[in-house]
Amino acid sequence: MIEDAEVFQNNGPGPTKNYIAASFYISSKTGDRNEILDQFTSGKKTFGKPRVTIDDPVKDGVYVYYIDENGKEWSSYFGSGDQSESIFEIEELALQPFAEISCMNIWNARFSCDLYDYSGNSIHLDKCELFTPFLLKK
């Protein structure tokens, strides 16, 4: 069983302008919900990679996907996918305190990583932060 869970996405003005998303690949062996929820808890996370062919194993972990202002796609797993100097850390998964927001949790993560295009070119994202409502029921 493979889970691809998108946690955060932000659309800029227009369908392909400055879109960014953070998601997880999780190769669940049991389908147990707790096995999947553990990926979203506080702490440092590894970067994941989907399988290209049916015989490839899934590398569990987070990935970052970005579409720049020109519509060009970038991802932490395209190209070499090298994230040896990168970090993705979930700072907080907490009950949110605002009555006017209809969600149960707030999810906050910080990251610095390299993104690659389909040709192997790279860009570096540094000191990025995601802060978003998160719907999680235990």
N, C-alpha and C. Protein backbone atom coordinates (compact mmCIF):
# COMPACT_ATOMS: atom_id res chain seq x y z
N MET A 1 0.84 -1.16 0.00
CA MET A 1 0.00 0.00 0.00
C MET A 1 0.89 1.24 0.00
N ILE A 2 0.62 2.18 -0.85
CA ILE A 2 1.41 3.41 -0.92
C ILE A 2 0.48 4.58 -0.67
N GLU A 3 0.88 5.42 0.26
CA GLU A 3 0.13 6.63 0.56
C GLU A 3 0.87 7.82 -0.01
N ASP A 4 0.17 8.73 -0.64
CA ASP A 4 0.74 9.99 -1.10
C ASP A 4 -0.14 11.07 -0.51
N ALA A 5 0.29 11.65 0.59
CA ALA A 5 -0.54 12.59 1.34
C ALA A 5 0.00 14.00 1.19
N GLU A 6 -0.80 14.86 0.60
CA GLU A 6 -0.41 16.25 0.46
C GLU A 6 -0.85 17.01 1.71
N VAL A 7 0.10 17.63 2.39
CA VAL A 7 -0.17 18.31 3.64
C VAL A 7 -0.41 19.79 3.41
N PHE A 8 0.34 20.38 2.52
CA PHE A 8 0.26 21.82 2.32
C PHE A 8 0.35 22.13 0.84
N GLN A 9 -0.48 23.07 0.39
CA GLN A 9 -0.31 23.60 -0.96
C GLN A 9 -0.73 25.06 -0.94
N ASN A 10 -0.06 25.84 -1.74
CA ASN A 10 -0.36 27.26 -1.84
C ASN A 10 -0.39 27.63 -3.30
N ASN A 11 -1.51 28.13 -3.75
CA ASN A 11 -1.63 28.57 -5.14
C ASN A 11 -1.49 30.08 -5.21
N GLY A 12 -0.60 30.54 -6.07
CA GLY A 12 -0.48 31.96 -6.31
C GLY A 12 -1.55 32.40 -7.29
N PRO A 13 -1.50 33.63 -7.78
CA PRO A 13 -2.50 34.10 -8.75
C PRO A 13 -2.33 33.39 -10.09
N GLY A 14 -3.35 32.74 -10.55
CA GLY A 14 -3.28 32.00 -11.80
C GLY A 14 -3.02 30.53 -11.54
N PRO A 15 -3.30 29.67 -12.50
CA PRO A 15 -3.22 28.23 -12.28
C PRO A 15 -1.82 27.66 -12.10
N THR A 16 -0.78 28.33 -12.59
CA THR A 16 0.56 27.75 -12.47
C THR A 16 1.58 28.74 -11.91
N LYS A 17 1.15 29.69 -11.13
CA LYS A 17 2.09 30.69 -10.62
C LYS A 17 2.42 30.46 -9.16
N ASN A 18 3.70 30.16 -8.90
CA ASN A 18 4.21 30.03 -7.55
C ASN A 18 3.44 29.03 -6.68
N TYR A 19 3.12 27.91 -7.25
CA TYR A 19 2.47 26.83 -6.51
C TYR A 19 3.54 26.07 -5.74
N ILE A 20 3.30 25.82 -4.46
CA ILE A 20 4.23 24.99 -3.67
C ILE A 20 3.41 24.02 -2.84
N ALA A 21 3.94 22.81 -2.71
CA ALA A 21 3.26 21.79 -1.92
C ALA A 21 4.29 20.96 -1.17
N ALA A 22 3.91 20.48 0.00
CA ALA A 22 4.71 19.53 0.77
C ALA A 22 3.85 18.30 0.95
N SER A 23 4.40 17.15 0.63
CA SER A 23 3.65 15.90 0.68
C SER A 23 4.52 14.78 1.22
N PHE A 24 3.89 13.65 1.52
CA PHE A 24 4.60 12.49 2.04
C PHE A 24 4.34 11.26 1.18
N TYR A 25 5.39 10.48 0.94
CA TYR A 25 5.24 9.13 0.40
C TYR A 25 5.42 8.20 1.58
N ILE A 26 4.48 7.30 1.77
CA ILE A 26 4.55 6.36 2.88
C ILE A 26 4.19 4.98 2.32
N SER A 27 5.12 4.04 2.45
CA SER A 27 4.82 2.68 2.00
C SER A 27 4.34 1.88 3.22
N SER A 28 3.05 1.92 3.42
CA SER A 28 2.45 1.25 4.57
C SER A 28 2.34 -0.24 4.29
N LYS A 29 2.86 -1.03 5.19
CA LYS A 29 2.79 -2.49 5.02
C LYS A 29 1.51 -3.06 5.61
N THR A 30 0.94 -2.37 6.59
CA THR A 30 -0.24 -2.89 7.28
C THR A 30 -1.50 -2.11 6.97
N GLY A 31 -1.34 -0.85 6.54
CA GLY A 31 -2.50 0.01 6.35
C GLY A 31 -3.00 0.57 7.68
N ASP A 32 -2.28 0.28 8.76
CA ASP A 32 -2.64 0.79 10.08
C ASP A 32 -2.52 2.31 10.08
N ARG A 33 -3.56 2.96 10.49
CA ARG A 33 -3.61 4.42 10.51
C ARG A 33 -2.47 5.03 11.33
N ASN A 34 -2.10 4.42 12.45
CA ASN A 34 -1.02 4.96 13.29
C ASN A 34 0.32 4.93 12.58
N GLU A 35 0.55 3.94 11.74
CA GLU A 35 1.78 3.87 10.95
C GLU A 35 1.89 5.09 10.03
N ILE A 36 0.78 5.51 9.50
CA ILE A 36 0.74 6.67 8.61
C ILE A 36 0.83 7.97 9.41
N LEU A 37 0.08 8.08 10.51
CA LEU A 37 0.07 9.30 11.31
C LEU A 37 1.44 9.62 11.91
N ASP A 38 2.25 8.60 12.18
CA ASP A 38 3.59 8.83 12.74
C ASP A 38 4.45 9.72 11.85
N GLN A 39 4.20 9.71 10.55
CA GLN A 39 4.98 10.54 9.64
C GLN A 39 4.75 12.04 9.87
N PHE A 40 3.62 12.39 10.49
CA PHE A 40 3.24 13.79 10.64
C PHE A 40 3.55 14.37 12.01
N THR A 41 4.19 13.60 12.88
CA THR A 41 4.52 14.08 14.22
C THR A 41 5.74 14.99 14.18
N SER A 42 5.98 15.71 15.28
CA SER A 42 7.11 16.63 15.38
C SER A 42 8.44 15.90 15.22
N GLY A 43 9.41 16.61 14.65
CA GLY A 43 10.75 16.07 14.51
C GLY A 43 11.26 16.17 13.08
N LYS A 44 12.52 15.78 12.92
CA LYS A 44 13.16 15.80 11.59
C LYS A 44 12.64 14.64 10.75
N LYS A 45 12.44 14.90 9.48
CA LYS A 45 11.93 13.90 8.54
C LYS A 45 12.93 13.69 7.41
N THR A 46 12.93 12.50 6.87
CA THR A 46 13.76 12.23 5.71
C THR A 46 12.99 12.62 4.45
N PHE A 47 13.72 12.83 3.37
CA PHE A 47 13.07 13.13 2.10
C PHE A 47 12.73 11.82 1.40
N GLY A 48 11.56 11.76 0.80
CA GLY A 48 11.08 10.55 0.15
C GLY A 48 11.18 10.63 -1.35
N LYS A 49 10.90 9.49 -1.96
CA LYS A 49 10.96 9.41 -3.42
C LYS A 49 9.98 8.34 -3.87
N PRO A 50 9.15 8.64 -4.88
CA PRO A 50 8.22 7.63 -5.38
C PRO A 50 8.95 6.59 -6.22
N ARG A 51 8.31 5.50 -6.45
CA ARG A 51 8.95 4.52 -7.33
C ARG A 51 8.67 4.89 -8.78
N VAL A 52 9.67 4.66 -9.62
CA VAL A 52 9.56 4.97 -11.04
C VAL A 52 8.96 3.78 -11.79
N THR A 53 9.35 2.58 -11.41
CA THR A 53 8.78 1.37 -11.99
C THR A 53 8.17 0.53 -10.88
N ILE A 54 7.40 -0.44 -11.23
CA ILE A 54 6.72 -1.30 -10.26
C ILE A 54 7.70 -2.06 -9.36
N ASP A 55 8.92 -2.26 -9.84
CA ASP A 55 9.92 -3.00 -9.07
C ASP A 55 10.71 -2.12 -8.10
N ASP A 56 10.64 -0.80 -8.26
CA ASP A 56 11.38 0.11 -7.37
C ASP A 56 10.69 0.20 -6.01
N PRO A 57 11.48 0.24 -4.95
CA PRO A 57 10.87 0.47 -3.64
C PRO A 57 10.54 1.96 -3.47
N VAL A 58 9.52 2.25 -2.67
CA VAL A 58 9.21 3.63 -2.32
C VAL A 58 10.16 4.03 -1.19
N LYS A 59 10.73 5.23 -1.27
CA LYS A 59 11.53 5.74 -0.16
C LYS A 59 10.61 6.62 0.67
N ASP A 60 10.26 6.14 1.88
CA ASP A 60 9.36 6.88 2.75
C ASP A 60 9.92 8.26 3.07
N GLY A 61 9.06 9.25 3.15
CA GLY A 61 9.48 10.58 3.56
C GLY A 61 8.74 11.68 2.84
N VAL A 62 9.13 12.88 3.15
CA VAL A 62 8.50 14.08 2.63
C VAL A 62 9.11 14.45 1.29
N TYR A 63 8.34 15.15 0.48
CA TYR A 63 8.91 15.77 -0.72
C TYR A 63 8.29 17.15 -0.90
N VAL A 64 9.03 18.02 -1.56
CA VAL A 64 8.58 19.38 -1.84
C VAL A 64 8.43 19.50 -3.35
N TYR A 65 7.33 20.09 -3.79
CA TYR A 65 7.04 20.26 -5.21
C TYR A 65 6.72 21.74 -5.42
N TYR A 66 7.27 22.32 -6.49
CA TYR A 66 7.11 23.76 -6.72
C TYR A 66 6.92 24.02 -8.21
N ILE A 67 6.02 24.92 -8.54
CA ILE A 67 5.87 25.42 -9.90
C ILE A 67 6.20 26.91 -9.84
N ASP A 68 7.25 27.33 -10.58
CA ASP A 68 7.68 28.73 -10.50
C ASP A 68 6.77 29.64 -11.34
N GLU A 69 7.10 30.92 -11.35
CA GLU A 69 6.28 31.93 -12.03
C GLU A 69 6.20 31.73 -13.54
N ASN A 70 7.11 30.92 -14.10
CA ASN A 70 7.08 30.61 -15.54
C ASN A 70 6.38 29.30 -15.85
N GLY A 71 5.86 28.64 -14.82
CA GLY A 71 5.18 27.37 -15.01
C GLY A 71 6.11 26.17 -15.01
N LYS A 72 7.38 26.36 -14.66
CA LYS A 72 8.36 25.27 -14.64
C LYS A 72 8.22 24.47 -13.34
N GLU A 73 8.22 23.14 -13.47
CA GLU A 73 8.08 22.25 -12.32
C GLU A 73 9.43 21.91 -11.70
N TRP A 74 9.48 21.90 -10.37
CA TRP A 74 10.66 21.56 -9.60
C TRP A 74 10.23 20.62 -8.48
N SER A 75 11.07 19.67 -8.13
CA SER A 75 10.74 18.76 -7.03
C SER A 75 12.01 18.30 -6.32
N SER A 76 11.86 17.96 -5.06
CA SER A 76 12.99 17.45 -4.28
C SER A 76 13.41 16.06 -4.73
N TYR A 77 12.59 15.37 -5.52
CA TYR A 77 12.96 14.03 -5.98
C TYR A 77 13.26 13.93 -7.47
N PHE A 78 13.08 15.01 -8.25
CA PHE A 78 13.48 14.99 -9.65
C PHE A 78 15.01 14.94 -9.74
N GLY A 79 15.53 14.70 -10.92
CA GLY A 79 16.98 14.71 -11.14
C GLY A 79 17.67 13.72 -10.22
N SER A 80 18.75 14.16 -9.60
CA SER A 80 19.48 13.26 -8.68
C SER A 80 18.71 13.08 -7.38
N GLY A 81 17.87 14.05 -7.05
CA GLY A 81 17.11 13.95 -5.80
C GLY A 81 17.98 14.04 -4.56
N ASP A 82 19.23 14.47 -4.73
CA ASP A 82 20.16 14.51 -3.61
C ASP A 82 19.70 15.52 -2.55
N GLN A 83 19.40 15.03 -1.36
CA GLN A 83 18.99 15.89 -0.25
C GLN A 83 19.90 15.68 0.95
N SER A 84 21.15 15.29 0.70
CA SER A 84 22.08 14.97 1.79
C SER A 84 22.37 16.17 2.70
N GLU A 85 22.26 17.38 2.18
CA GLU A 85 22.51 18.57 2.99
C GLU A 85 21.21 19.29 3.36
N SER A 86 20.08 18.65 3.14
CA SER A 86 18.78 19.29 3.33
C SER A 86 18.15 18.89 4.65
N ILE A 87 17.16 19.68 5.05
CA ILE A 87 16.46 19.38 6.30
C ILE A 87 14.98 19.70 6.13
N PHE A 88 14.16 18.87 6.72
CA PHE A 88 12.72 19.13 6.82
C PHE A 88 12.34 18.73 8.23
N GLU A 89 11.88 19.70 9.00
CA GLU A 89 11.55 19.44 10.40
C GLU A 89 10.15 19.95 10.72
N ILE A 90 9.34 19.05 11.24
CA ILE A 90 8.02 19.45 11.69
C ILE A 90 8.19 20.02 13.09
N GLU A 91 7.87 21.29 13.21
CA GLU A 91 8.02 21.99 14.48
C GLU A 91 6.88 21.67 15.43
N GLU A 92 5.68 21.55 14.86
CA GLU A 92 4.53 21.49 15.75
C GLU A 92 3.34 20.86 15.03
N LEU A 93 2.65 20.04 15.73
CA LEU A 93 1.33 19.59 15.34
C LEU A 93 0.52 19.75 16.61
N ALA A 94 -0.20 20.86 16.70
CA ALA A 94 -0.85 21.20 17.96
C ALA A 94 -2.32 21.55 17.73
N LEU A 95 -3.07 21.47 18.80
CA LEU A 95 -4.45 21.93 18.73
C LEU A 95 -4.43 23.41 18.43
N GLN A 96 -5.26 23.85 17.52
CA GLN A 96 -5.25 25.26 17.16
C GLN A 96 -6.19 26.02 18.12
N PRO A 97 -5.79 27.23 18.49
CA PRO A 97 -6.51 27.96 19.53
C PRO A 97 -7.60 28.92 19.05
N PHE A 98 -7.85 29.01 17.74
CA PHE A 98 -8.75 30.03 17.22
C PHE A 98 -10.15 29.48 16.95
N ALA A 99 -11.14 30.05 17.60
CA ALA A 99 -12.53 29.58 17.46
C ALA A 99 -13.07 29.83 16.06
N GLU A 100 -12.60 30.87 15.39
CA GLU A 100 -13.13 31.22 14.06
C GLU A 100 -12.58 30.34 12.94
N ILE A 101 -11.62 29.48 13.23
CA ILE A 101 -11.05 28.58 12.23
C ILE A 101 -11.59 27.18 12.49
N SER A 102 -12.16 26.59 11.46
CA SER A 102 -12.80 25.27 11.65
C SER A 102 -11.84 24.13 11.30
N CYS A 103 -10.79 24.02 12.06
CA CYS A 103 -9.90 22.88 11.94
C CYS A 103 -9.45 22.50 13.34
N MET A 104 -8.93 21.30 13.47
CA MET A 104 -8.55 20.83 14.79
C MET A 104 -7.10 21.13 15.14
N ASN A 105 -6.23 21.19 14.16
CA ASN A 105 -4.80 21.29 14.42
C ASN A 105 -4.12 22.35 13.57
N ILE A 106 -2.93 22.75 14.02
CA ILE A 106 -2.05 23.60 13.25
C ILE A 106 -0.77 22.81 13.01
N TRP A 107 -0.31 22.81 11.77
CA TRP A 107 0.90 22.08 11.38
C TRP A 107 1.93 23.09 10.94
N ASN A 108 3.11 23.05 11.54
CA ASN A 108 4.17 24.01 11.25
C ASN A 108 5.44 23.23 10.93
N ALA A 109 6.05 23.54 9.80
CA ALA A 109 7.30 22.86 9.41
C ALA A 109 8.27 23.88 8.83
N ARG A 110 9.55 23.61 9.03
CA ARG A 110 10.63 24.43 8.47
C ARG A 110 11.51 23.53 7.61
N PHE A 111 12.00 24.09 6.49
CA PHE A 111 12.85 23.27 5.63
C PHE A 111 13.79 24.10 4.79
N SER A 112 14.88 23.48 4.42
CA SER A 112 15.83 23.97 3.42
C SER A 112 16.17 22.76 2.57
N CYS A 113 16.09 22.91 1.25
CA CYS A 113 16.36 21.76 0.38
C CYS A 113 16.68 22.21 -1.04
N ASP A 114 17.13 21.26 -1.83
CA ASP A 114 17.37 21.49 -3.25
C ASP A 114 16.19 20.93 -4.03
N LEU A 115 15.78 21.67 -5.05
CA LEU A 115 14.74 21.21 -5.96
C LEU A 115 15.36 21.08 -7.34
N TYR A 116 14.89 20.09 -8.08
CA TYR A 116 15.43 19.79 -9.41
C TYR A 116 14.32 19.84 -10.44
N ASP A 117 14.69 20.23 -11.67
CA ASP A 117 13.73 20.14 -12.78
C ASP A 117 13.97 18.82 -13.50
N TYR A 118 13.21 18.58 -14.56
CA TYR A 118 13.34 17.32 -15.29
C TYR A 118 14.68 17.17 -16.00
N SER A 119 15.38 18.29 -16.21
CA SER A 119 16.68 18.24 -16.89
C SER A 119 17.86 18.12 -15.93
N GLY A 120 17.59 18.14 -14.63
CA GLY A 120 18.66 18.03 -13.65
C GLY A 120 19.18 19.35 -13.12
N ASN A 121 18.65 20.47 -13.62
CA ASN A 121 19.02 21.78 -13.07
C ASN A 121 18.48 21.87 -11.65
N SER A 122 19.11 22.69 -10.82
CA SER A 122 18.65 22.76 -9.44
C SER A 122 18.53 24.20 -8.95
N ILE A 123 17.67 24.37 -7.95
CA ILE A 123 17.55 25.61 -7.21
C ILE A 123 17.58 25.24 -5.73
N HIS A 124 17.97 26.17 -4.89
CA HIS A 124 18.03 25.90 -3.46
C HIS A 124 17.01 26.76 -2.73
N LEU A 125 16.20 26.12 -1.91
CA LEU A 125 15.28 26.83 -1.03
C LEU A 125 15.89 26.84 0.35
N ASP A 126 15.93 28.00 0.99
CA ASP A 126 16.59 28.11 2.28
C ASP A 126 15.68 28.81 3.29
N LYS A 127 15.62 28.27 4.48
CA LYS A 127 14.87 28.85 5.60
C LYS A 127 13.41 29.06 5.25
N CYS A 128 12.77 28.04 4.71
CA CYS A 128 11.36 28.11 4.35
C CYS A 128 10.51 27.63 5.52
N GLU A 129 9.29 28.13 5.58
CA GLU A 129 8.39 27.71 6.65
C GLU A 129 6.99 27.54 6.11
N LEU A 130 6.35 26.47 6.53
CA LEU A 130 4.95 26.20 6.20
C LEU A 130 4.17 26.25 7.50
N PHE A 131 3.04 26.90 7.46
CA PHE A 131 2.17 27.02 8.62
C PHE A 131 0.76 26.90 8.11
N THR A 132 0.06 25.85 8.48
CA THR A 132 -1.24 25.60 7.87
C THR A 132 -2.18 24.87 8.82
N PRO A 133 -3.48 25.11 8.68
CA PRO A 133 -4.44 24.28 9.41
C PRO A 133 -4.29 22.83 8.95
N PHE A 134 -4.54 21.92 9.83
CA PHE A 134 -4.34 20.50 9.53
C PHE A 134 -5.48 19.70 10.12
N LEU A 135 -6.19 18.98 9.30
CA LEU A 135 -7.31 18.18 9.76
C LEU A 135 -6.82 16.78 10.12
N LEU A 136 -6.80 16.49 11.38
CA LEU A 136 -6.32 15.20 11.86
C LEU A 136 -7.21 14.73 12.98
N LYS A 137 -7.75 13.56 12.80
CA LYS A 137 -8.57 12.94 13.85
C LYS A 137 -7.90 11.65 14.25
N LYS A 138 -7.65 11.51 15.51
CA LYS A 138 -7.00 10.28 16.01
C LYS A 138 -8.03 9.29 16.45
